[in-house]
Amino acid sequence: MHHLSDEDVLLTLSIVSRLGSTGTRVHVVDLVLPPMNGFPRFLALNDRGRFPRSLDHWKSLLDVSFETEVFQAFSIHFGKVSLWELFYWVGHSRSAEHQEISKPHD
């Protein structure tokens, strides 16, 4: 979803949450923009996706329409060199009356 703007991510998640019944689980693996300079940050900023986000920003987007069950950061390495930082998230949809309307802040 790092190819989508915040507004498009929120719209996509809202639609996905409404397609399933309450409790439907969704899994996401996506790119993280690391806070520190280094090779993973360089790769994230030079990815074709124009919207790399921090872990906190991702969490705030995902929490608008879903209840988080799993939120785990991980790295992909080549030998001892870290290349990419990513996250794995599992959330379940809430009932429509419990979905937040506000936009996330970062």
Protein backbone atom coordinates (compact mmCIF):
# COMPACT_ATOMS: atom_id res chain seq x y z
CA MET A 1 0.00 0.00 0.00
CA HIS A 2 3.03 2.28 -0.07
CA HIS A 3 1.96 3.08 -3.63
CA LEU A 4 -1.26 4.68 -2.31
CA SER A 5 -1.80 8.05 -0.66
CA ASP A 6 -3.14 8.14 2.91
CA GLU A 7 -6.60 8.98 1.58
CA ASP A 8 -6.53 6.03 -0.84
CA VAL A 9 -5.29 3.66 1.88
CA LEU A 10 -8.13 4.77 4.17
CA LEU A 11 -10.66 4.35 1.37
CA THR A 12 -9.31 0.90 0.45
CA LEU A 13 -9.34 -0.29 4.06
CA SER A 14 -12.84 1.08 4.57
CA ILE A 15 -14.12 -0.82 1.53
CA VAL A 16 -12.34 -4.02 2.58
CA SER A 17 -13.75 -3.77 6.10
CA ARG A 18 -17.29 -3.42 4.74
CA LEU A 19 -16.93 -6.37 2.32
CA GLY A 20 -16.55 -8.88 5.12
CA SER A 21 -18.55 -9.49 8.24
CA THR A 22 -17.52 -8.17 11.64
CA GLY A 23 -14.37 -9.99 12.66
CA THR A 24 -13.10 -10.66 9.12
CA ARG A 25 -9.30 -10.84 9.22
CA VAL A 26 -7.00 -8.97 6.85
CA HIS A 27 -3.25 -9.51 6.48
CA VAL A 28 -0.83 -6.84 5.23
CA VAL A 29 2.92 -6.89 4.61
CA ASP A 30 4.38 -3.58 3.50
CA LEU A 31 7.43 -1.33 3.39
CA VAL A 32 8.45 0.85 6.35
CA LEU A 33 10.34 4.13 6.18
CA PRO A 34 13.02 3.72 8.86
CA PRO A 35 13.66 6.78 11.05
CA MET A 36 17.45 6.50 10.84
CA ASN A 37 19.62 7.12 7.80
CA GLY A 38 21.04 3.99 6.23
CA PHE A 39 20.57 1.59 3.35
CA PRO A 40 16.98 0.54 4.28
CA ARG A 41 15.89 4.18 4.40
CA PHE A 42 17.63 4.90 1.09
CA LEU A 43 15.83 1.96 -0.55
CA ALA A 44 12.48 2.99 0.92
CA LEU A 45 12.85 6.56 -0.34
CA ASN A 46 13.90 5.34 -3.79
CA ASP A 47 11.17 2.72 -4.18
CA ARG A 48 8.64 3.29 -6.96
CA GLY A 49 5.98 3.64 -4.27
CA ARG A 50 5.76 7.33 -3.41
CA PHE A 51 4.36 6.89 0.09
CA PRO A 52 6.77 5.10 2.43
CA ARG A 53 5.57 5.52 6.02
CA SER A 54 6.86 5.11 9.54
CA LEU A 55 5.59 2.25 11.68
CA ASP A 56 3.52 4.66 13.77
CA HIS A 57 1.94 6.17 10.67
CA TRP A 58 1.05 2.72 9.31
CA LYS A 59 -0.50 1.76 12.65
CA SER A 60 -2.64 4.89 12.73
CA LEU A 61 -3.92 4.22 9.20
CA LEU A 62 -4.70 0.57 9.88
CA ASP A 63 -6.44 1.31 13.19
CA VAL A 64 -9.11 3.49 11.56
CA SER A 65 -11.11 0.55 10.18
CA PHE A 66 -9.63 -2.47 11.95
CA GLU A 67 -8.71 -3.79 15.37
CA THR A 68 -5.04 -4.83 15.37
CA GLU A 69 -4.25 -8.42 16.35
CA VAL A 70 -0.62 -8.61 15.14
CA PHE A 71 1.73 -5.76 14.29
CA GLN A 72 5.30 -6.92 13.86
CA ALA A 73 8.26 -5.17 12.26
CA PHE A 74 10.93 -7.22 10.52
CA SER A 75 13.90 -6.76 8.20
CA ILE A 76 15.09 -8.50 5.07
CA HIS A 77 18.85 -9.05 5.05
CA PHE A 78 21.47 -10.08 2.55
CA GLY A 79 24.08 -11.65 4.76
CA LYS A 80 24.63 -9.16 7.56
CA VAL A 81 23.35 -6.19 5.54
CA SER A 82 19.81 -5.02 6.25
CA LEU A 83 18.07 -4.14 2.98
CA TRP A 84 14.45 -3.43 3.76
CA GLU A 85 12.36 -2.83 6.83
CA LEU A 86 8.80 -4.06 6.64
CA PHE A 87 5.84 -4.88 8.85
CA TYR A 88 3.38 -7.73 9.09
CA TRP A 89 -0.08 -6.78 10.33
CA VAL A 90 -3.22 -8.76 11.00
CA GLY A 91 -6.41 -6.98 11.90
CA HIS A 92 -10.08 -7.82 12.12
CA SER A 93 -12.87 -5.60 10.95
CA ARG A 94 -15.09 -3.79 13.41
CA SER A 95 -18.76 -3.17 13.10
CA ALA A 96 -19.50 0.01 11.12
CA GLU A 97 -20.65 1.95 14.18
CA HIS A 98 -17.23 1.44 15.83
CA GLN A 99 -15.13 2.65 12.91
CA GLU A 100 -13.31 5.91 13.52
CA ILE A 101 -13.97 8.79 11.19
CA SER A 102 -10.94 10.95 11.94
CA LYS A 103 -7.81 10.88 9.82
CA PRO A 104 -4.56 9.62 11.36
CA HIS A 105 -1.75 11.98 12.31
CA ASP A 106 1.98 11.42 11.92
